[in-house]
């Protein structure tokens, strides 16, 4: 260890990088990373949006053998976003009846089908909730913070989506897809890149 510490910094970094490459070649994966059982995914989530781009990066990083395709006919599975909604409600009021705290709620529903419409993962709803203090003297700043919090909540769903898709249940369903229920293939139109509309404004 002492001799390694005496090496020039650039050389130490290079050796460390080579060690990581060697681990990768031996099948090393980050904790919690589970390769998916399918090779090609189609989704109606807009991959040019911030959420879609992050979803693609996360999946390809954890499952290098899996790629996204822009043609559903070429995909092994269809990751179908069914709906997404967000809402803001008053959580507490002060003695003068002014809002002290808001609660932010986000619901994201999706399903996973194979190319023939066999249900690999039935409609699944992920729910996120955050509490946010409110100050009516800095409304614009708080509106920006609410938008940012919803964005963080949306990005936080990605790990949950990946865990559901890589679960033993989905693996078994994909391996035995012929035994799974079949549903009509939903519309494959890519969704708008803009996030769902939230509350028009916050009120004191």
C-alpha atoms as a PDB file:
ATOM      1  CA  UNK A   1       0.000   0.000   0.000  1.00  0.00           C
ATOM      2  CA  UNK A   2       2.838   2.399   0.890  1.00  0.00           C
ATOM      3  CA  UNK A   3       4.569   1.874  -2.456  1.00  0.00           C
ATOM      4  CA  UNK A   4       1.294   2.499  -4.321  1.00  0.00           C
ATOM      5  CA  UNK A   5       0.821   5.794  -2.458  1.00  0.00           C
ATOM      6  CA  UNK A   6       4.271   6.927  -3.591  1.00  0.00           C
ATOM      7  CA  UNK A   7       3.390   6.554  -7.286  1.00  0.00           C
ATOM      8  CA  UNK A   8       2.565   9.719  -9.283  1.00  0.00           C
ATOM      9  CA  UNK A   9      -1.085  10.739  -9.026  1.00  0.00           C
ATOM     10  CA  UNK A  10      -1.793  10.227 -12.748  1.00  0.00           C
ATOM     11  CA  UNK A  11      -0.347   6.728 -12.638  1.00  0.00           C
ATOM     12  CA  UNK A  12      -2.411   5.862  -9.555  1.00  0.00           C
ATOM     13  CA  UNK A  13      -5.584   7.038 -11.343  1.00  0.00           C
ATOM     14  CA  UNK A  14      -4.706   5.035 -14.432  1.00  0.00           C
ATOM     15  CA  UNK A  15      -4.146   1.880 -12.369  1.00  0.00           C
ATOM     16  CA  UNK A  16      -7.403   2.408 -10.538  1.00  0.00           C
ATOM     17  CA  UNK A  17      -9.223   2.779 -13.856  1.00  0.00           C
ATOM     18  CA  UNK A  18      -7.697  -0.447 -15.157  1.00  0.00           C
ATOM     19  CA  UNK A  19      -8.818  -2.217 -11.992  1.00  0.00           C
ATOM     20  CA  UNK A  20     -12.401  -1.059 -12.549  1.00  0.00           C
ATOM     21  CA  UNK A  21     -12.295  -2.242 -16.158  1.00  0.00           C
ATOM     22  CA  UNK A  22     -11.027  -5.624 -14.991  1.00  0.00           C
ATOM     23  CA  UNK A  23     -13.894  -5.891 -12.516  1.00  0.00           C
ATOM     24  CA  UNK A  24     -16.353  -5.011 -15.269  1.00  0.00           C
ATOM     25  CA  UNK A  25     -14.903  -7.702 -17.512  1.00  0.00           C
ATOM     26  CA  UNK A  26     -15.423 -10.225 -14.714  1.00  0.00           C
ATOM     27  CA  UNK A  27     -19.127  -9.387 -14.509  1.00  0.00           C
ATOM     28  CA  UNK A  28     -18.966  -6.897 -11.663  1.00  0.00           C
ATOM     29  CA  UNK A  29     -22.185  -4.940 -11.148  1.00  0.00           C
ATOM     30  CA  UNK A  30     -23.019  -2.119  -8.815  1.00  0.00           C
ATOM     31  CA  UNK A  31     -25.118  -3.097  -5.817  1.00  0.00           C
ATOM     32  CA  UNK A  32     -28.763  -3.437  -6.810  1.00  0.00           C
ATOM     33  CA  UNK A  33     -28.041  -3.533 -10.545  1.00  0.00           C
ATOM     34  CA  UNK A  34     -29.918  -6.424 -12.183  1.00  0.00           C
ATOM     35  CA  UNK A  35     -29.703  -6.948 -15.952  1.00  0.00           C
ATOM     36  CA  UNK A  36     -33.104  -7.199 -17.621  1.00  0.00           C
ATOM     37  CA  UNK A  37     -34.136 -10.445 -19.346  1.00  0.00           C
ATOM     38  CA  UNK A  38     -35.013  -8.715 -22.633  1.00  0.00           C
ATOM     39  CA  UNK A  39     -32.825  -6.966 -25.180  1.00  0.00           C
ATOM     40  CA  UNK A  40     -35.039  -4.339 -26.832  1.00  0.00           C
ATOM     41  CA  UNK A  41     -37.565  -1.981 -25.231  1.00  0.00           C
ATOM     42  CA  UNK A  42     -40.116   0.314 -26.809  1.00  0.00           C
ATOM     43  CA  UNK A  43     -41.824   2.967 -24.682  1.00  0.00           C
ATOM     44  CA  UNK A  44     -44.318   5.760 -25.227  1.00  0.00           C
ATOM     45  CA  UNK A  45     -42.381   7.823 -22.679  1.00  0.00           C
ATOM     46  CA  UNK A  46     -40.626  10.600 -24.566  1.00  0.00           C
ATOM     47  CA  UNK A  47     -36.930   9.738 -24.374  1.00  0.00           C
ATOM     48  CA  UNK A  48     -36.029  13.313 -25.310  1.00  0.00           C
ATOM     49  CA  UNK A  49     -37.591  14.601 -22.091  1.00  0.00           C
ATOM     50  CA  UNK A  50     -35.496  14.883 -18.932  1.00  0.00           C
ATOM     51  CA  UNK A  51     -37.399  12.019 -17.328  1.00  0.00           C
ATOM     52  CA  UNK A  52     -37.158   9.815 -20.432  1.00  0.00           C
ATOM     53  CA  UNK A  53     -33.445  10.476 -20.937  1.00  0.00           C
ATOM     54  CA  UNK A  54     -32.726   9.639 -17.303  1.00  0.00           C
ATOM     55  CA  UNK A  55     -34.818   6.472 -17.576  1.00  0.00           C
ATOM     56  CA  UNK A  56     -32.869   5.327 -20.633  1.00  0.00           C
ATOM     57  CA  UNK A  57     -29.490   6.076 -18.991  1.00  0.00           C
ATOM     58  CA  UNK A  58     -30.452   4.215 -15.826  1.00  0.00           C
ATOM     59  CA  UNK A  59     -31.699   1.128 -17.629  1.00  0.00           C
ATOM     60  CA  UNK A  60     -28.772   0.891 -20.058  1.00  0.00           C
ATOM     61  CA  UNK A  61     -26.268   1.445 -17.217  1.00  0.00           C
ATOM     62  CA  UNK A  62     -27.765  -1.371 -15.163  1.00  0.00           C
ATOM     63  CA  UNK A  63     -28.511  -3.639 -18.126  1.00  0.00           C
ATOM     64  CA  UNK A  64     -25.898  -2.997 -20.854  1.00  0.00           C
ATOM     65  CA  UNK A  65     -27.391  -5.696 -23.060  1.00  0.00           C
ATOM     66  CA  UNK A  66     -30.714  -3.859 -23.238  1.00  0.00           C
ATOM     67  CA  UNK A  67     -31.387  -1.105 -25.759  1.00  0.00           C
ATOM     68  CA  UNK A  68     -34.304   1.159 -26.608  1.00  0.00           C
ATOM     69  CA  UNK A  69     -35.835   1.116 -30.067  1.00  0.00           C
ATOM     70  CA  UNK A  70     -38.126   3.675 -31.701  1.00  0.00           C
ATOM     71  CA  UNK A  71     -40.102   0.933 -33.479  1.00  0.00           C
ATOM     72  CA  UNK A  72     -42.472  -1.129 -31.357  1.00  0.00           C
ATOM     73  CA  UNK A  73     -42.362  -3.973 -33.872  1.00  0.00           C
ATOM     74  CA  UNK A  74     -38.633  -4.404 -33.180  1.00  0.00           C
ATOM     75  CA  UNK A  75     -38.999  -4.482 -29.401  1.00  0.00           C
ATOM     76  CA  UNK A  76     -39.209  -7.485 -27.098  1.00  0.00           C
ATOM     77  CA  UNK A  77     -41.334  -5.521 -24.615  1.00  0.00           C
ATOM     78  CA  UNK A  78     -43.467  -2.397 -24.511  1.00  0.00           C
ATOM     79  CA  UNK A  79     -43.039  -0.189 -21.426  1.00  0.00           C
ATOM     80  CA  UNK A  80     -46.365   1.620 -21.546  1.00  0.00           C
ATOM     81  CA  UNK A  81     -46.997   4.726 -19.451  1.00  0.00           C
ATOM     82  CA  UNK A  82     -50.734   4.726 -18.771  1.00  0.00           C
ATOM     83  CA  UNK A  83     -51.067   7.950 -16.812  1.00  0.00           C
ATOM     84  CA  UNK A  84     -49.316  10.481 -14.624  1.00  0.00           C
ATOM     85  CA  UNK A  85     -50.885  13.031 -12.305  1.00  0.00           C
ATOM     86  CA  UNK A  86     -49.660  15.468  -9.706  1.00  0.00           C
ATOM     87  CA  UNK A  87     -51.540  17.566  -7.208  1.00  0.00           C
ATOM     88  CA  UNK A  88     -50.901  20.030  -4.427  1.00  0.00           C
ATOM     89  CA  UNK A  89     -53.002  20.316  -1.281  1.00  0.00           C
ATOM     90  CA  UNK A  90     -52.920  22.476   1.805  1.00  0.00           C
ATOM     91  CA  UNK A  91     -51.491  20.507   4.696  1.00  0.00           C
ATOM     92  CA  UNK A  92     -51.580  23.004   7.560  1.00  0.00           C
ATOM     93  CA  UNK A  93     -52.701  26.569   8.284  1.00  0.00           C
ATOM     94  CA  UNK A  94     -51.448  29.162  10.782  1.00  0.00           C
ATOM     95  CA  UNK A  95     -53.603  30.988  13.309  1.00  0.00           C
ATOM     96  CA  UNK A  96     -54.583  33.542  10.641  1.00  0.00           C
ATOM     97  CA  UNK A  97     -55.731  30.857   8.229  1.00  0.00           C
ATOM     98  CA  UNK A  98     -52.724  31.198   5.915  1.00  0.00           C
ATOM     99  CA  UNK A  99     -51.051  28.137   4.448  1.00  0.00           C
ATOM    100  CA  UNK A 100     -47.972  26.989   6.364  1.00  0.00           C
ATOM    101  CA  UNK A 101     -47.287  23.758   4.540  1.00  0.00           C
ATOM    102  CA  UNK A 102     -48.259  22.025   1.297  1.00  0.00           C
ATOM    103  CA  UNK A 103     -48.333  18.334   0.460  1.00  0.00           C
ATOM    104  CA  UNK A 104     -47.191  17.320  -3.032  1.00  0.00           C
ATOM    105  CA  UNK A 105     -48.559  14.077  -4.490  1.00  0.00           C
ATOM    106  CA  UNK A 106     -47.424  12.322  -7.664  1.00  0.00           C
ATOM    107  CA  UNK A 107     -48.972   9.201  -9.215  1.00  0.00           C
ATOM    108  CA  UNK A 108     -47.377   7.333 -12.128  1.00  0.00           C
ATOM    109  CA  UNK A 109     -49.093   4.304 -13.685  1.00  0.00           C
ATOM    110  CA  UNK A 110     -47.468   1.934 -16.174  1.00  0.00           C
ATOM    111  CA  UNK A 111     -47.538  -1.635 -17.459  1.00  0.00           C
ATOM    112  CA  UNK A 112     -45.160  -3.960 -19.278  1.00  0.00           C
ATOM    113  CA  UNK A 113     -46.279  -6.063 -22.259  1.00  0.00           C
ATOM    114  CA  UNK A 114     -44.437  -8.295 -24.663  1.00  0.00           C
ATOM    115  CA  UNK A 115     -44.692  -7.770 -28.421  1.00  0.00           C
ATOM    116  CA  UNK A 116     -47.823  -9.956 -28.667  1.00  0.00           C
ATOM    117  CA  UNK A 117     -49.596  -8.155 -25.850  1.00  0.00           C
ATOM    118  CA  UNK A 118     -48.972 -10.717 -23.105  1.00  0.00           C
ATOM    119  CA  UNK A 119     -49.073  -8.984 -19.719  1.00  0.00           C
ATOM    120  CA  UNK A 120     -45.667  -9.223 -18.047  1.00  0.00           C
ATOM    121  CA  UNK A 121     -46.425  -6.568 -15.435  1.00  0.00           C
ATOM    122  CA  UNK A 122     -50.062  -5.517 -14.933  1.00  0.00           C
ATOM    123  CA  UNK A 123     -50.972  -1.841 -14.500  1.00  0.00           C
ATOM    124  CA  UNK A 124     -48.885  -0.652 -11.577  1.00  0.00           C
ATOM    125  CA  UNK A 125     -49.170   2.691  -9.800  1.00  0.00           C
ATOM    126  CA  UNK A 126     -46.176   4.299  -8.121  1.00  0.00           C
ATOM    127  CA  UNK A 127     -46.940   7.040  -5.609  1.00  0.00           C
ATOM    128  CA  UNK A 128     -44.699   9.787  -4.294  1.00  0.00           C
ATOM    129  CA  UNK A 129     -45.451  12.335  -1.591  1.00  0.00           C
ATOM    130  CA  UNK A 130     -43.472  15.283  -0.202  1.00  0.00           C
ATOM    131  CA  UNK A 131     -44.220  17.992   2.332  1.00  0.00           C
ATOM    132  CA  UNK A 132     -43.082  21.545   1.626  1.00  0.00           C
ATOM    133  CA  UNK A 133     -43.138  24.582   3.967  1.00  0.00           C
ATOM    134  CA  UNK A 134     -44.769  27.668   2.468  1.00  0.00           C
ATOM    135  CA  UNK A 135     -44.103  31.381   2.894  1.00  0.00           C
ATOM    136  CA  UNK A 136     -46.615  33.742   1.260  1.00  0.00           C
ATOM    137  CA  UNK A 137     -44.003  36.516   1.118  1.00  0.00           C
ATOM    138  CA  UNK A 138     -41.923  34.633  -1.471  1.00  0.00           C
ATOM    139  CA  UNK A 139     -44.605  33.149  -3.707  1.00  0.00           C
ATOM    140  CA  UNK A 140     -42.541  33.034  -6.905  1.00  0.00           C
ATOM    141  CA  UNK A 141     -39.634  31.313  -5.184  1.00  0.00           C
ATOM    142  CA  UNK A 142     -41.977  28.750  -3.672  1.00  0.00           C
ATOM    143  CA  UNK A 143     -43.682  28.092  -7.015  1.00  0.00           C
ATOM    144  CA  UNK A 144     -40.245  27.382  -8.496  1.00  0.00           C
ATOM    145  CA  UNK A 145     -39.416  25.094  -5.567  1.00  0.00           C
ATOM    146  CA  UNK A 146     -42.662  23.192  -6.065  1.00  0.00           C
ATOM    147  CA  UNK A 147     -41.896  22.653  -9.766  1.00  0.00           C
ATOM    148  CA  UNK A 148     -38.387  21.490  -8.869  1.00  0.00           C
ATOM    149  CA  UNK A 149     -39.703  19.135  -6.176  1.00  0.00           C
ATOM    150  CA  UNK A 150     -42.170  17.527  -8.580  1.00  0.00           C
ATOM    151  CA  UNK A 151     -39.299  17.028 -11.047  1.00  0.00           C
ATOM    152  CA  UNK A 152     -37.178  15.356  -8.349  1.00  0.00           C
ATOM    153  CA  UNK A 153     -40.122  13.151  -7.371  1.00  0.00           C
ATOM    154  CA  UNK A 154     -40.634  12.123 -10.994  1.00  0.00           C
ATOM    155  CA  UNK A 155     -36.957  11.239 -11.414  1.00  0.00           C
ATOM    156  CA  UNK A 156     -37.108   9.331  -8.140  1.00  0.00           C
ATOM    157  CA  UNK A 157     -39.628   6.949  -9.698  1.00  0.00           C
ATOM    158  CA  UNK A 158     -37.059   5.604 -12.157  1.00  0.00           C
ATOM    159  CA  UNK A 159     -35.340   3.256  -9.702  1.00  0.00           C
ATOM    160  CA  UNK A 160     -38.747   1.874  -8.744  1.00  0.00           C
ATOM    161  CA  UNK A 161     -39.628   1.266 -12.404  1.00  0.00           C
ATOM    162  CA  UNK A 162     -36.335  -0.565 -12.945  1.00  0.00           C
ATOM    163  CA  UNK A 163     -36.828  -2.704  -9.826  1.00  0.00           C
ATOM    164  CA  UNK A 164     -40.317  -3.731 -10.966  1.00  0.00           C
ATOM    165  CA  UNK A 165     -39.110  -4.563 -14.483  1.00  0.00           C
ATOM    166  CA  UNK A 166     -36.180  -6.658 -13.198  1.00  0.00           C
ATOM    167  CA  UNK A 167     -38.163  -8.470 -10.497  1.00  0.00           C
ATOM    168  CA  UNK A 168     -38.288 -12.310 -10.407  1.00  0.00           C
ATOM    169  CA  UNK A 169     -42.015 -12.113 -11.214  1.00  0.00           C
ATOM    170  CA  UNK A 170     -41.384 -10.245 -14.468  1.00  0.00           C
ATOM    171  CA  UNK A 171     -38.518 -12.575 -15.379  1.00  0.00           C
ATOM    172  CA  UNK A 172     -40.762 -15.596 -14.881  1.00  0.00           C
ATOM    173  CA  UNK A 173     -43.581 -13.927 -16.825  1.00  0.00           C
ATOM    174  CA  UNK A 174     -41.265 -13.149 -19.743  1.00  0.00           C
ATOM    175  CA  UNK A 175     -39.892 -16.696 -19.803  1.00  0.00           C
ATOM    176  CA  UNK A 176     -43.449 -18.099 -19.840  1.00  0.00           C
ATOM    177  CA  UNK A 177     -45.194 -15.328 -21.777  1.00  0.00           C
ATOM    178  CA  UNK A 178     -47.459 -17.755 -23.657  1.00  0.00           C
ATOM    179  CA  UNK A 179     -49.182 -18.561 -20.354  1.00  0.00           C
ATOM    180  CA  UNK A 180     -49.850 -14.911 -19.540  1.00  0.00           C
ATOM    181  CA  UNK A 181     -53.103 -13.015 -20.242  1.00  0.00           C
ATOM    182  CA  UNK A 182     -53.250 -11.117 -23.528  1.00  0.00           C
ATOM    183  CA  UNK A 183     -54.644  -7.575 -23.828  1.00  0.00           C
ATOM    184  CA  UNK A 184     -55.214  -5.369 -26.888  1.00  0.00           C
ATOM    185  CA  UNK A 185     -51.999  -3.529 -27.657  1.00  0.00           C
ATOM    186  CA  UNK A 186     -52.366   0.083 -26.423  1.00  0.00           C
ATOM    187  CA  UNK A 187     -51.610   3.150 -28.492  1.00  0.00           C
ATOM    188  CA  UNK A 188     -47.888   3.488 -29.089  1.00  0.00           C
ATOM    189  CA  UNK A 189     -47.887   7.232 -29.718  1.00  0.00           C
ATOM    190  CA  UNK A 190     -45.032   8.904 -27.858  1.00  0.00           C
ATOM    191  CA  UNK A 191     -46.248  11.216 -25.117  1.00  0.00           C
ATOM    192  CA  UNK A 192     -45.652  14.945 -25.073  1.00  0.00           C
ATOM    193  CA  UNK A 193     -42.258  15.881 -23.640  1.00  0.00           C
ATOM    194  CA  UNK A 194     -43.767  18.448 -21.285  1.00  0.00           C
ATOM    195  CA  UNK A 195     -44.624  17.318 -17.725  1.00  0.00           C
ATOM    196  CA  UNK A 196     -48.278  16.953 -16.723  1.00  0.00           C
ATOM    197  CA  UNK A 197     -50.032  20.133 -15.745  1.00  0.00           C
ATOM    198  CA  UNK A 198     -49.977  20.788 -12.027  1.00  0.00           C
ATOM    199  CA  UNK A 199     -51.930  23.330  -9.988  1.00  0.00           C
ATOM    200  CA  UNK A 200     -52.334  26.641 -11.792  1.00  0.00           C
ATOM    201  CA  UNK A 201     -50.985  28.519  -8.786  1.00  0.00           C
ATOM    202  CA  UNK A 202     -50.445  28.288  -5.068  1.00  0.00           C
ATOM    203  CA  UNK A 203     -52.584  30.392  -2.817  1.00  0.00           C
ATOM    204  CA  UNK A 204     -51.811  31.803   0.610  1.00  0.00           C
END
